């Protein structure tokens, strides 16, 4: 089973996709193509936001676990 990429690498890949979409938008010939590009841009930006939020949640969980261990150690003492 393949491991997930680190969040920094995922964000870099998504940013590269966003750059390609910007270039595609310049070359788009009709409104349909521009509409599809706008939808793809919204999806990519949403994915970038999700990766950022997951990173924040991971940090919060780590901090919560540290606090729980401190409380556990204090109650045992």
PDB file of N, CA and C in Angstrom:
ATOM      1  N   UNK A   1       0.838  -1.180   0.000  1.00  0.00           N
ATOM      2  CA  UNK A   1       0.000   0.000   0.000  1.00  0.00           C
ATOM      3  C   UNK A   1       0.889   1.251   0.000  1.00  0.00           C
ATOM      4  N   UNK A   2       0.547   2.177  -0.844  1.00  0.00           N
ATOM      5  CA  UNK A   2       1.347   3.389  -0.989  1.00  0.00           C
ATOM      6  C   UNK A   2       1.064   4.361   0.155  1.00  0.00           C
ATOM      7  N   UNK A   3       2.140   4.958   0.698  1.00  0.00           N
ATOM      8  CA  UNK A   3       1.990   5.935   1.770  1.00  0.00           C
ATOM      9  C   UNK A   3       1.575   7.284   1.184  1.00  0.00           C
ATOM     10  N   UNK A   4       0.920   8.072   2.029  1.00  0.00           N
ATOM     11  CA  UNK A   4       0.545   9.420   1.613  1.00  0.00           C
ATOM     12  C   UNK A   4       1.776  10.307   1.541  1.00  0.00           C
ATOM     13  N   UNK A   5       1.701  11.288   0.659  1.00  0.00           N
ATOM     14  CA  UNK A   5       2.787  12.257   0.567  1.00  0.00           C
ATOM     15  C   UNK A   5       2.732  13.185   1.775  1.00  0.00           C
ATOM     16  N   UNK A   6       3.866  13.755   2.150  1.00  0.00           N
ATOM     17  CA  UNK A   6       3.850  14.772   3.214  1.00  0.00           C
ATOM     18  C   UNK A   6       3.031  15.987   2.759  1.00  0.00           C
ATOM     19  N   UNK A   7       2.468  16.705   3.700  1.00  0.00           N
ATOM     20  CA  UNK A   7       1.584  17.822   3.357  1.00  0.00           C
ATOM     21  C   UNK A   7       2.292  18.898   2.539  1.00  0.00           C
ATOM     22  N   UNK A   8       3.566  19.148   2.830  1.00  0.00           N
ATOM     23  CA  UNK A   8       4.302  20.151   2.052  1.00  0.00           C
ATOM     24  C   UNK A   8       4.383  19.752   0.584  1.00  0.00           C
ATOM     25  N   UNK A   9       4.619  18.475   0.345  1.00  0.00           N
ATOM     26  CA  UNK A   9       4.719  17.973  -1.022  1.00  0.00           C
ATOM     27  C   UNK A   9       3.353  18.021  -1.716  1.00  0.00           C
ATOM     28  N   UNK A  10       2.308  17.698  -0.975  1.00  0.00           N
ATOM     29  CA  UNK A  10       0.960  17.767  -1.534  1.00  0.00           C
ATOM     30  C   UNK A  10       0.602  19.200  -1.908  1.00  0.00           C
ATOM     31  N   UNK A  11       0.923  20.141  -1.030  1.00  0.00           N
ATOM     32  CA  UNK A  11       0.631  21.545  -1.322  1.00  0.00           C
ATOM     33  C   UNK A  11       1.415  22.040  -2.526  1.00  0.00           C
ATOM     34  N   UNK A  12       2.642  21.589  -2.662  1.00  0.00           N
ATOM     35  CA  UNK A  12       3.458  21.970  -3.814  1.00  0.00           C
ATOM     36  C   UNK A  12       2.842  21.432  -5.107  1.00  0.00           C
ATOM     37  N   UNK A  13       2.398  20.174  -5.086  1.00  0.00           N
ATOM     38  CA  UNK A  13       1.749  19.580  -6.260  1.00  0.00           C
ATOM     39  C   UNK A  13       0.465  20.331  -6.618  1.00  0.00           C
ATOM     40  N   UNK A  14      -0.326  20.647  -5.608  1.00  0.00           N
ATOM     41  CA  UNK A  14      -1.567  21.382  -5.856  1.00  0.00           C
ATOM     42  C   UNK A  14      -1.291  22.779  -6.393  1.00  0.00           C
ATOM     43  N   UNK A  15      -0.256  23.422  -5.889  1.00  0.00           N
ATOM     44  CA  UNK A  15       0.123  24.749  -6.382  1.00  0.00           C
ATOM     45  C   UNK A  15       0.567  24.671  -7.844  1.00  0.00           C
ATOM     46  N   UNK A  16       1.293  23.607  -8.195  1.00  0.00           N
ATOM     47  CA  UNK A  16       1.692  23.420  -9.594  1.00  0.00           C
ATOM     48  C   UNK A  16       0.472  23.223 -10.491  1.00  0.00           C
ATOM     49  N   UNK A  17      -0.507  22.459 -10.003  1.00  0.00           N
ATOM     50  CA  UNK A  17      -1.743  22.275 -10.771  1.00  0.00           C
ATOM     51  C   UNK A  17      -2.468  23.599 -10.969  1.00  0.00           C
ATOM     52  N   UNK A  18      -2.473  24.410  -9.927  1.00  0.00           N
ATOM     53  CA  UNK A  18      -3.119  25.714 -10.013  1.00  0.00           C
ATOM     54  C   UNK A  18      -2.430  26.597 -11.051  1.00  0.00           C
ATOM     55  N   UNK A  19      -1.119  26.530 -11.110  1.00  0.00           N
ATOM     56  CA  UNK A  19      -0.370  27.292 -12.112  1.00  0.00           C
ATOM     57  C   UNK A  19      -0.713  26.822 -13.526  1.00  0.00           C
ATOM     58  N   UNK A  20      -0.834  25.508 -13.691  1.00  0.00           N
ATOM     59  CA  UNK A  20      -1.205  24.974 -15.006  1.00  0.00           C
ATOM     60  C   UNK A  20      -2.608  25.409 -15.396  1.00  0.00           C
ATOM     61  N   UNK A  21      -3.513  25.424 -14.428  1.00  0.00           N
ATOM     62  CA  UNK A  21      -4.872  25.889 -14.715  1.00  0.00           C
ATOM     63  C   UNK A  21      -4.890  27.348 -15.133  1.00  0.00           C
ATOM     64  N   UNK A  22      -4.061  28.170 -14.510  1.00  0.00           N
ATOM     65  CA  UNK A  22      -3.983  29.576 -14.889  1.00  0.00           C
ATOM     66  C   UNK A  22      -3.522  29.714 -16.337  1.00  0.00           C
ATOM     67  N   UNK A  23      -2.558  28.905 -16.729  1.00  0.00           N
ATOM     68  CA  UNK A  23      -2.088  28.929 -18.113  1.00  0.00           C
ATOM     69  C   UNK A  23      -3.183  28.431 -19.060  1.00  0.00           C
ATOM     70  N   UNK A  24      -3.918  27.395 -18.654  1.00  0.00           N
ATOM     71  CA  UNK A  24      -5.000  26.874 -19.486  1.00  0.00           C
ATOM     72  C   UNK A  24      -6.114  27.906 -19.660  1.00  0.00           C
ATOM     73  N   UNK A  25      -6.354  28.693 -18.625  1.00  0.00           N
ATOM     74  CA  UNK A  25      -7.413  29.699 -18.711  1.00  0.00           C
ATOM     75  C   UNK A  25      -7.084  30.754 -19.759  1.00  0.00           C
ATOM     76  N   UNK A  26      -5.817  31.075 -19.858  1.00  0.00           N
ATOM     77  CA  UNK A  26      -5.397  32.058 -20.861  1.00  0.00           C
ATOM     78  C   UNK A  26      -5.658  31.525 -22.266  1.00  0.00           C
ATOM     79  N   UNK A  27      -5.464  30.221 -22.454  1.00  0.00           N
ATOM     80  CA  UNK A  27      -5.627  29.612 -23.768  1.00  0.00           C
ATOM     81  C   UNK A  27      -7.061  29.154 -24.050  1.00  0.00           C
ATOM     82  N   UNK A  28      -7.937  29.212 -23.053  1.00  0.00           N
ATOM     83  CA  UNK A  28      -9.314  28.751 -23.231  1.00  0.00           C
ATOM     84  C   UNK A  28     -10.004  29.558 -24.320  1.00  0.00           C
ATOM     85  N   UNK A  29     -10.710  28.846 -25.205  1.00  0.00           N
ATOM     86  CA  UNK A  29     -11.314  29.493 -26.360  1.00  0.00           C
ATOM     87  C   UNK A  29     -12.778  29.860 -26.160  1.00  0.00           C
ATOM     88  N   UNK A  30     -13.475  29.171 -25.267  1.00  0.00           N
ATOM     89  CA  UNK A  30     -14.893  29.485 -25.096  1.00  0.00           C
ATOM     90  C   UNK A  30     -15.274  29.483 -23.610  1.00  0.00           C
ATOM     91  N   UNK A  31     -16.516  29.848 -23.351  1.00  0.00           N
ATOM     92  CA  UNK A  31     -16.998  29.967 -21.978  1.00  0.00           C
ATOM     93  C   UNK A  31     -17.070  28.612 -21.271  1.00  0.00           C
ATOM     94  N   UNK A  32     -17.335  27.540 -22.016  1.00  0.00           N
ATOM     95  CA  UNK A  32     -17.394  26.218 -21.407  1.00  0.00           C
ATOM     96  C   UNK A  32     -16.039  25.844 -20.821  1.00  0.00           C
ATOM     97  N   UNK A  33     -14.986  26.034 -21.590  1.00  0.00           N
ATOM     98  CA  UNK A  33     -13.641  25.710 -21.107  1.00  0.00           C
ATOM     99  C   UNK A  33     -13.285  26.564 -19.896  1.00  0.00           C
ATOM    100  N   UNK A  34     -13.621  27.846 -19.948  1.00  0.00           N
ATOM    101  CA  UNK A  34     -13.340  28.732 -18.814  1.00  0.00           C
ATOM    102  C   UNK A  34     -14.129  28.308 -17.579  1.00  0.00           C
ATOM    103  N   UNK A  35     -15.375  27.861 -17.787  1.00  0.00           N
ATOM    104  CA  UNK A  35     -16.191  27.395 -16.666  1.00  0.00           C
ATOM    105  C   UNK A  35     -15.607  26.150 -16.016  1.00  0.00           C
ATOM    106  N   UNK A  36     -15.139  25.209 -16.844  1.00  0.00           N
ATOM    107  CA  UNK A  36     -14.525  23.984 -16.321  1.00  0.00           C
ATOM    108  C   UNK A  36     -13.269  24.332 -15.531  1.00  0.00           C
ATOM    109  N   UNK A  37     -12.497  25.261 -16.035  1.00  0.00           N
ATOM    110  CA  UNK A  37     -11.264  25.674 -15.356  1.00  0.00           C
ATOM    111  C   UNK A  37     -11.591  26.326 -14.012  1.00  0.00           C
ATOM    112  N   UNK A  38     -12.658  27.120 -13.959  1.00  0.00           N
ATOM    113  CA  UNK A  38     -13.049  27.743 -12.694  1.00  0.00           C
ATOM    114  C   UNK A  38     -13.472  26.692 -11.667  1.00  0.00           C
ATOM    115  N   UNK A  39     -14.176  25.655 -12.133  1.00  0.00           N
ATOM    116  CA  UNK A  39     -14.577  24.575 -11.230  1.00  0.00           C
ATOM    117  C   UNK A  39     -13.352  23.838 -10.716  1.00  0.00           C
ATOM    118  N   UNK A  40     -12.418  23.520 -11.608  1.00  0.00           N
ATOM    119  CA  UNK A  40     -11.196  22.832 -11.198  1.00  0.00           C
ATOM    120  C   UNK A  40     -10.388  23.680 -10.223  1.00  0.00           C
ATOM    121  N   UNK A  41     -10.338  24.981 -10.463  1.00  0.00           N
ATOM    122  CA  UNK A  41      -9.609  25.873  -9.563  1.00  0.00           C
ATOM    123  C   UNK A  41     -10.237  25.848  -8.167  1.00  0.00           C
ATOM    124  N   UNK A  42     -11.567  25.886  -8.103  1.00  0.00           N
ATOM    125  CA  UNK A  42     -12.247  25.849  -6.806  1.00  0.00           C
ATOM    126  C   UNK A  42     -11.960  24.535  -6.085  1.00  0.00           C
ATOM    127  N   UNK A  43     -11.958  23.429  -6.816  1.00  0.00           N
ATOM    128  CA  UNK A  43     -11.661  22.135  -6.200  1.00  0.00           C
ATOM    129  C   UNK A  43     -10.231  22.069  -5.675  1.00  0.00           C
ATOM    130  N   UNK A  44      -9.284  22.562  -6.454  1.00  0.00           N
ATOM    131  CA  UNK A  44      -7.882  22.541  -6.028  1.00  0.00           C
ATOM    132  C   UNK A  44      -7.680  23.443  -4.815  1.00  0.00           C
ATOM    133  N   UNK A  45      -8.275  24.629  -4.844  1.00  0.00           N
ATOM    134  CA  UNK A  45      -8.133  25.525  -3.697  1.00  0.00           C
ATOM    135  C   UNK A  45      -8.782  24.936  -2.453  1.00  0.00           C
ATOM    136  N   UNK A  46      -9.899  24.243  -2.626  1.00  0.00           N
ATOM    137  CA  UNK A  46     -10.539  23.568  -1.495  1.00  0.00           C
ATOM    138  C   UNK A  46      -9.660  22.469  -0.932  1.00  0.00           C
ATOM    139  N   UNK A  47      -9.003  21.732  -1.827  1.00  0.00           N
ATOM    140  CA  UNK A  47      -8.096  20.668  -1.376  1.00  0.00           C
ATOM    141  C   UNK A  47      -6.905  21.261  -0.623  1.00  0.00           C
ATOM    142  N   UNK A  48      -6.380  22.377  -1.118  1.00  0.00           N
ATOM    143  CA  UNK A  48      -5.268  23.039  -0.426  1.00  0.00           C
ATOM    144  C   UNK A  48      -5.699  23.478   0.975  1.00  0.00           C
ATOM    145  N   UNK A  49      -6.913  24.015   1.070  1.00  0.00           N
ATOM    146  CA  UNK A  49      -7.430  24.449   2.365  1.00  0.00           C
ATOM    147  C   UNK A  49      -7.586  23.247   3.303  1.00  0.00           C
ATOM    148  N   UNK A  50      -8.072  22.134   2.763  1.00  0.00           N
ATOM    149  CA  UNK A  50      -8.248  20.926   3.574  1.00  0.00           C
ATOM    150  C   UNK A  50      -6.914  20.413   4.111  1.00  0.00           C
ATOM    151  N   UNK A  51      -5.879  20.439   3.282  1.00  0.00           N
ATOM    152  CA  UNK A  51      -4.549  19.993   3.722  1.00  0.00           C
ATOM    153  C   UNK A  51      -4.051  20.899   4.842  1.00  0.00           C
ATOM    154  N   UNK A  52      -4.249  22.215   4.690  1.00  0.00           N
ATOM    155  CA  UNK A  52      -3.842  23.153   5.737  1.00  0.00           C
ATOM    156  C   UNK A  52      -4.606  22.906   7.036  1.00  0.00           C
ATOM    157  N   UNK A  53      -5.916  22.722   6.912  1.00  0.00           N
ATOM    158  CA  UNK A  53      -6.742  22.489   8.101  1.00  0.00           C
ATOM    159  C   UNK A  53      -6.362  21.185   8.794  1.00  0.00           C
ATOM    160  N   UNK A  54      -6.082  20.156   8.024  1.00  0.00           N
ATOM    161  CA  UNK A  54      -5.671  18.880   8.609  1.00  0.00           C
ATOM    162  C   UNK A  54      -4.371  19.054   9.392  1.00  0.00           C
ATOM    163  N   UNK A  55      -3.472  19.848   8.857  1.00  0.00           N
ATOM    164  CA  UNK A  55      -2.206  20.109   9.547  1.00  0.00           C
ATOM    165  C   UNK A  55      -2.459  20.811  10.884  1.00  0.00           C
ATOM    166  N   UNK A  56      -3.386  21.782  10.889  1.00  0.00           N
ATOM    167  CA  UNK A  56      -3.725  22.480  12.136  1.00  0.00           C
ATOM    168  C   UNK A  56      -4.362  21.517  13.143  1.00  0.00           C
ATOM    169  N   UNK A  57      -5.225  20.649  12.654  1.00  0.00           N
ATOM    170  CA  UNK A  57      -5.879  19.690  13.551  1.00  0.00           C
ATOM    171  C   UNK A  57      -4.864  18.718  14.142  1.00  0.00           C
ATOM    172  N   UNK A  58      -3.900  18.318  13.326  1.00  0.00           N
ATOM    173  CA  UNK A  58      -2.862  17.408  13.808  1.00  0.00           C
ATOM    174  C   UNK A  58      -2.053  18.062  14.932  1.00  0.00           C
ATOM    175  N   UNK A  59      -1.706  19.326  14.746  1.00  0.00           N
ATOM    176  CA  UNK A  59      -0.966  20.049  15.785  1.00  0.00           C
ATOM    177  C   UNK A  59      -1.797  20.185  17.057  1.00  0.00           C
ATOM    178  N   UNK A  60      -3.080  20.451  16.898  1.00  0.00           N
ATOM    179  CA  UNK A  60      -3.957  20.596  18.062  1.00  0.00           C
ATOM    180  C   UNK A  60      -4.071  19.268  18.821  1.00  0.00           C
ATOM    181  N   UNK A  61      -4.189  18.170  18.099  1.00  0.00           N
ATOM    182  CA  UNK A  61      -4.253  16.858  18.754  1.00  0.00           C
ATOM    183  C   UNK A  61      -2.957  16.540  19.485  1.00  0.00           C
ATOM    184  N   UNK A  62      -1.831  16.877  18.870  1.00  0.00           N
ATOM    185  CA  UNK A  62      -0.541  16.664  19.539  1.00  0.00           C
ATOM    186  C   UNK A  62      -0.467  17.455  20.839  1.00  0.00           C
ATOM    187  N   UNK A  63      -0.919  18.698  20.797  1.00  0.00           N
ATOM    188  CA  UNK A  63      -0.896  19.530  21.994  1.00  0.00           C
ATOM    189  C   UNK A  63      -1.839  18.977  23.058  1.00  0.00           C
ATOM    190  N   UNK A  64      -3.007  18.515  22.630  1.00  0.00           N
ATOM    191  CA  UNK A  64      -3.955  17.929  23.565  1.00  0.00           C
ATOM    192  C   UNK A  64      -3.377  16.683  24.240  1.00  0.00           C
ATOM    193  N   UNK A  65      -2.714  15.838  23.468  1.00  0.00           N
ATOM    194  CA  UNK A  65      -2.093  14.642  24.049  1.00  0.00           C
ATOM    195  C   UNK A  65      -1.009  15.004  25.053  1.00  0.00           C
ATOM    196  N   UNK A  66      -0.210  16.014  24.737  1.00  0.00           N
ATOM    197  CA  UNK A  66       0.814  16.452  25.687  1.00  0.00           C
ATOM    198  C   UNK A  66       0.182  16.911  26.996  1.00  0.00           C
ATOM    199  N   UNK A  67      -0.896  17.672  26.893  1.00  0.00           N
ATOM    200  CA  UNK A  67      -1.574  18.152  28.100  1.00  0.00           C
ATOM    201  C   UNK A  67      -2.167  16.987  28.893  1.00  0.00           C
ATOM    202  N   UNK A  68      -2.725  16.007  28.193  1.00  0.00           N
ATOM    203  CA  UNK A  68      -3.275  14.836  28.884  1.00  0.00           C
ATOM    204  C   UNK A  68      -2.194  14.055  29.617  1.00  0.00           C
ATOM    205  N   UNK A  69      -1.040  13.917  28.979  1.00  0.00           N
ATOM    206  CA  UNK A  69       0.069  13.214  29.646  1.00  0.00           C
ATOM    207  C   UNK A  69       0.534  13.981  30.875  1.00  0.00           C
ATOM    208  N   UNK A  70       0.560  15.320  30.796  1.00  0.00           N
ATOM    209  CA  UNK A  70       0.951  16.131  31.951  1.00  0.00           C
ATOM    210  C   UNK A  70      -0.028  15.927  33.090  1.00  0.00           C
ATOM    211  N   UNK A  71      -1.317  15.927  32.781  1.00  0.00           N
ATOM    212  CA  UNK A  71      -2.343  15.742  33.817  1.00  0.00           C
ATOM    213  C   UNK A  71      -2.211  14.340  34.408  1.00  0.00           C
ATOM    214  N   UNK A  72      -1.984  13.348  33.565  1.00  0.00           N
ATOM    215  CA  UNK A  72      -1.845  11.981  34.045  1.00  0.00           C
ATOM    216  C   UNK A  72      -0.632  11.854  34.965  1.00  0.00           C
ATOM    217  N   UNK A  73       0.481  12.454  34.583  1.00  0.00           N
ATOM    218  CA  UNK A  73       1.676  12.407  35.420  1.00  0.00           C
ATOM    219  C   UNK A  73       1.456  13.135  36.748  1.00  0.00           C
ATOM    220  N   UNK A  74       0.722  14.241  36.724  1.00  0.00           N
ATOM    221  CA  UNK A  74       0.471  14.980  37.962  1.00  0.00           C
ATOM    222  C   UNK A  74      -0.451  14.211  38.903  1.00  0.00           C
ATOM    223  N   UNK A  75      -1.406  13.474  38.336  1.00  0.00           N
ATOM    224  CA  UNK A  75      -2.314  12.712  39.208  1.00  0.00           C
ATOM    225  C   UNK A  75      -1.635  11.492  39.801  1.00  0.00           C
ATOM    226  N   UNK A  76      -0.638  10.947  39.115  1.00  0.00           N
ATOM    227  CA  UNK A  76       0.106   9.785  39.641  1.00  0.00           C
ATOM    228  C   UNK A  76       1.091  10.191  40.727  1.00  0.00           C
ATOM    229  N   UNK A  77       1.518  11.447  40.704  1.00  0.00           N
ATOM    230  CA  UNK A  77       2.510  11.908  41.675  1.00  0.00           C
ATOM    231  C   UNK A  77       1.942  12.174  43.030  1.00  0.00           C
TER     232      UNK A  77
END
